[in-house]
Each structure stands twice: as C-alpha cells, then as structure tokens.
C-alpha cells in the first residue's frame, strides 16, 4: 500500500535545519552575537564544512530569522555572487567580520 503526499502541504526551509539549530544553541549558550570565528570553531568541533554553516546563516539572515551587523549587507544577491560552483570560499567569507544575532523566530 502506498500513500500519496501532497507536496503543496510540505513547507521546506531553504536552509539546513540541523545547522540552524546548532547556531541557535551556540548563540544561547554564549549569550552574545556570533562571529565568523565562532562558526569556524563549530565547523572544526563538529567536523562540518564552514561553507555549509555559512550558507545556512546567509539564508537565515535573508529570511529574517537572524540579523547580521557588519560592513557587508546580506541579501539574496550577496549569496548568489559568493556561492560559485555550489560552494562559499574562505576568502569570500573573510569580509564578514560582523556579528550574527538570533531573532527568535
């Protein structure tokens, strides 16, 4: 017996939910905005690619779930310009020296 699922009823986020939860938990644990250095440490501690974490963080900012305060603005075109060949590169991320804050939604 098979069941059909109506795809229109499934809301799929454009970010990695597990990585979003990891960042949120770290934000709550540290009780301060996160920095690129925090994400680099998380990537190392959990053996996760930094670009996977950062793509998730960019998506969360674009969707209004997190805020980013820094010299660079994060909008869809920012991510599109940086996300070349399916990856963000460390050199591209170096410009994002600001702070990332969870907005609680």
Protein backbone atom coordinates (compact mmCIF):
# COMPACT_ATOMS: atom_id res chain seq x y z
CA UNK A 1 0.00 0.00 0.00
CA UNK A 2 1.35 3.41 -0.88
CA UNK A 3 0.23 6.78 0.28
CA UNK A 4 0.47 9.98 -1.60
CA UNK A 5 1.69 13.19 -0.07
CA UNK A 6 0.55 16.48 -1.46
CA UNK A 7 3.81 18.41 -1.95
CA UNK A 8 1.97 21.71 -1.65
CA UNK A 9 1.35 20.96 2.05
CA UNK A 10 5.03 20.50 2.87
CA UNK A 11 6.92 23.64 3.86
CA UNK A 12 10.62 23.01 3.22
CA UNK A 13 13.03 25.65 4.53
CA UNK A 14 15.81 26.92 2.26
CA UNK A 15 18.42 26.28 4.96
CA UNK A 16 19.83 23.30 6.83
CA UNK A 17 17.62 22.93 9.90
CA UNK A 18 20.25 21.00 11.89
CA UNK A 19 22.89 23.69 11.26
CA UNK A 20 20.39 26.42 12.12
CA UNK A 21 19.69 24.67 15.43
CA UNK A 22 23.42 24.29 16.10
CA UNK A 23 23.94 28.03 15.58
CA UNK A 24 20.91 28.91 17.71
CA UNK A 25 22.10 26.67 20.53
CA UNK A 26 25.58 28.22 20.39
CA UNK A 27 24.07 31.71 20.44
CA UNK A 28 22.02 30.84 23.52
CA UNK A 29 24.97 29.14 25.22
CA UNK A 30 27.36 32.05 24.68
CA UNK A 31 24.65 34.67 25.31
CA UNK A 32 26.16 37.02 22.74
CA UNK A 33 26.16 37.52 18.97
CA UNK A 34 28.21 35.00 17.00
CA UNK A 35 31.18 35.84 14.79
CA UNK A 36 32.88 34.14 11.87
CA UNK A 37 35.41 32.80 14.38
CA UNK A 38 32.58 31.10 16.30
CA UNK A 39 31.35 29.46 13.11
CA UNK A 40 34.90 28.36 12.24
CA UNK A 41 35.21 26.76 15.69
CA UNK A 42 31.85 25.00 15.33
CA UNK A 43 32.87 23.68 11.91
CA UNK A 44 36.07 22.27 13.39
CA UNK A 45 34.45 20.92 16.58
CA UNK A 46 31.68 19.12 14.70
CA UNK A 47 33.58 18.29 11.50
CA UNK A 48 31.20 20.32 9.36
CA UNK A 49 32.23 22.30 6.30
CA UNK A 50 32.33 26.00 7.14
CA UNK A 51 30.63 26.92 3.88
CA UNK A 52 27.65 24.70 4.76
CA UNK A 53 27.22 26.56 8.05
CA UNK A 54 27.62 29.94 6.38
CA UNK A 55 25.18 29.22 3.54
CA UNK A 56 22.66 28.36 6.26
CA UNK A 57 23.46 31.57 8.14
CA UNK A 58 23.13 33.68 4.99
CA UNK A 59 19.75 32.07 4.26
CA UNK A 60 18.59 32.70 7.82
CA UNK A 61 19.52 36.39 7.53
CA UNK A 62 17.81 36.69 4.13
CA UNK A 63 14.66 35.07 5.57
CA UNK A 64 14.66 37.35 8.64
CA UNK A 65 15.40 34.62 11.19
CA UNK A 66 18.81 36.09 12.14
CA UNK A 67 20.37 39.52 11.76
CA UNK A 68 23.86 40.39 10.60
CA UNK A 69 25.51 43.61 11.73
CA UNK A 70 28.66 44.41 9.81
CA UNK A 71 30.06 46.37 6.92
CA UNK A 72 28.65 43.93 4.37
CA UNK A 73 24.95 43.68 3.67
CA UNK A 74 23.46 40.22 3.27
CA UNK A 75 20.72 39.96 0.66
CA UNK A 76 19.93 37.29 -1.93
CA UNK A 77 22.31 38.83 -4.48
CA UNK A 78 25.14 38.71 -1.91
CA UNK A 79 24.76 34.97 -1.54
CA UNK A 80 24.31 34.41 -5.27
CA UNK A 81 27.52 36.30 -6.04
CA UNK A 82 29.53 34.37 -3.45
CA UNK A 83 28.02 30.92 -3.98
CA UNK A 84 30.02 29.89 -7.02
CA UNK A 85 30.10 26.24 -8.13
CA UNK A 86 27.96 25.27 -5.16
CA UNK A 87 30.44 26.46 -2.51
CA UNK A 88 31.37 29.51 -0.50
CA UNK A 89 35.11 30.05 -0.22
CA UNK A 90 37.02 31.10 2.91
CA UNK A 91 38.44 34.16 1.12
CA UNK A 92 34.91 35.35 0.33
CA UNK A 93 33.81 34.94 3.94
CA UNK A 94 36.73 36.96 5.32
CA UNK A 95 34.80 40.18 4.61
CA UNK A 96 32.03 39.18 7.02
CA UNK A 97 33.64 40.28 10.29
CA UNK A 98 30.40 41.46 11.87
CA UNK A 99 28.07 39.84 14.38
CA UNK A 100 25.21 37.41 13.84
CA UNK A 101 22.21 37.52 16.19
CA UNK A 102 19.27 35.16 16.54
CA UNK A 103 15.96 36.99 16.21
CA UNK A 104 13.92 34.36 18.00
CA UNK A 105 11.56 33.36 15.21
